[in-house]
Amino acid sequence: MSRKDLDPWRVIRSFLSRLLSYDVPDIIDHAGLAVDWTITEKQDYSHAMRWAAYRPRIDAAYEPLTRDDDRLRVAFFVARELGGETSQKR
């Protein structure tokens, strides 16, 4: 099993899709990923459409991170934000 197989990002990102898509840019921005959040009117139609536009952009910002420390830092900050979101909704 390689280090890439142990990367927690795909699991963490899957929880982002459960949030309101309006909250996703703030969470990703807090983690320090530079993502172009500009979307078309058609993409802004619904949560599903926004998420479909956001997901590849988020991955495109994450994938070039070559250092494990950078990847884990981003994953940690997003997971921490998700934990805060979860505890606030209860």
Protein backbone atom coordinates (compact mmCIF):
# COMPACT_ATOMS: atom_id res chain seq x y z
CA MET A 1 0.00 0.00 0.00
CA SER A 2 1.44 3.37 -0.99
CA ARG A 3 1.24 6.68 0.85
CA LYS A 4 -1.16 7.92 -1.82
CA ASP A 5 -3.51 5.04 -0.95
CA LEU A 6 -3.56 6.30 2.64
CA ASP A 7 -4.33 9.91 1.69
CA PRO A 8 -7.50 10.86 3.61
CA TRP A 9 -8.60 13.46 1.07
CA ARG A 10 -11.20 11.44 -0.85
CA VAL A 11 -12.98 10.47 2.35
CA ILE A 12 -12.90 14.01 3.72
CA ARG A 13 -14.03 15.48 0.40
CA SER A 14 -17.01 13.12 0.34
CA PHE A 15 -18.30 14.78 3.51
CA LEU A 16 -18.11 18.20 1.84
CA SER A 17 -20.80 17.11 -0.60
CA ARG A 18 -23.22 16.68 2.31
CA LEU A 19 -22.99 20.35 3.25
CA LEU A 20 -24.80 23.22 1.65
CA SER A 21 -22.78 24.04 -1.43
CA TYR A 22 -22.79 27.69 -0.38
CA ASP A 23 -20.61 26.72 2.63
CA VAL A 24 -18.00 24.75 0.67
CA PRO A 25 -15.95 27.71 -0.64
CA ASP A 26 -15.45 29.10 2.86
CA ILE A 27 -14.28 25.76 4.20
CA ILE A 28 -11.87 25.17 1.34
CA ASP A 29 -10.58 28.76 1.53
CA HIS A 30 -9.87 28.32 5.26
CA ALA A 31 -7.71 25.33 4.34
CA GLY A 32 -5.62 27.49 2.04
CA LEU A 33 -6.51 25.94 -1.31
CA ALA A 34 -6.75 28.45 -4.14
CA VAL A 35 -9.87 27.56 -6.12
CA ASP A 36 -11.64 29.60 -8.80
CA TRP A 37 -15.21 29.70 -7.49
CA THR A 38 -16.65 31.50 -10.51
CA ILE A 39 -19.55 29.49 -11.88
CA THR A 40 -22.12 30.05 -14.58
CA GLU A 41 -25.76 30.80 -13.92
CA LYS A 42 -26.61 27.25 -15.03
CA GLN A 43 -24.08 25.77 -12.56
CA ASP A 44 -25.52 27.96 -9.81
CA TYR A 45 -29.00 26.51 -10.29
CA SER A 46 -28.93 23.98 -7.45
CA HIS A 47 -26.77 22.32 -4.82
CA ALA A 48 -26.10 19.37 -7.12
CA MET A 49 -25.08 21.62 -10.00
CA ARG A 50 -22.82 23.76 -7.78
CA TRP A 51 -21.19 20.68 -6.27
CA ALA A 52 -20.65 19.20 -9.75
CA ALA A 53 -18.83 22.42 -10.71
CA TYR A 54 -16.88 22.70 -7.44
CA ARG A 55 -15.64 19.13 -7.06
CA PRO A 56 -13.24 19.00 -10.02
CA ARG A 57 -11.95 22.47 -9.15
CA ILE A 58 -11.25 21.47 -5.58
CA ASP A 59 -9.48 18.31 -6.74
CA ALA A 60 -7.49 20.31 -9.30
CA ALA A 61 -6.24 22.57 -6.49
CA TYR A 62 -5.45 19.63 -4.17
CA GLU A 63 -3.80 17.17 -6.59
CA PRO A 64 -0.74 19.31 -7.43
CA LEU A 65 0.26 19.41 -3.76
CA THR A 66 3.33 17.20 -3.86
CA ARG A 67 4.45 17.31 -0.26
CA ASP A 68 2.67 15.00 2.15
CA ASP A 69 2.79 17.77 4.76
CA ASP A 70 0.84 20.11 2.49
CA ARG A 71 -1.78 17.49 1.71
CA LEU A 72 -2.21 16.56 5.36
CA ARG A 73 -2.43 20.22 6.38
CA VAL A 74 -5.27 20.83 3.92
CA ALA A 75 -7.02 17.62 4.92
CA PHE A 76 -6.65 18.52 8.61
CA PHE A 77 -8.12 22.01 8.20
CA VAL A 78 -11.05 20.79 6.11
CA ALA A 79 -11.74 17.95 8.57
CA ARG A 80 -11.60 20.42 11.46
CA GLU A 81 -14.06 22.73 9.70
CA LEU A 82 -16.33 19.78 8.97
CA GLY A 83 -16.23 18.80 12.63
CA GLY A 84 -17.29 22.31 13.56
CA GLU A 85 -20.11 22.22 11.01
CA THR A 86 -21.34 18.88 12.36
CA SER A 87 -21.30 19.95 15.99
CA GLN A 88 -23.11 23.23 15.16
CA LYS A 89 -25.98 21.42 13.42
CA ARG A 90 -26.79 19.12 16.33
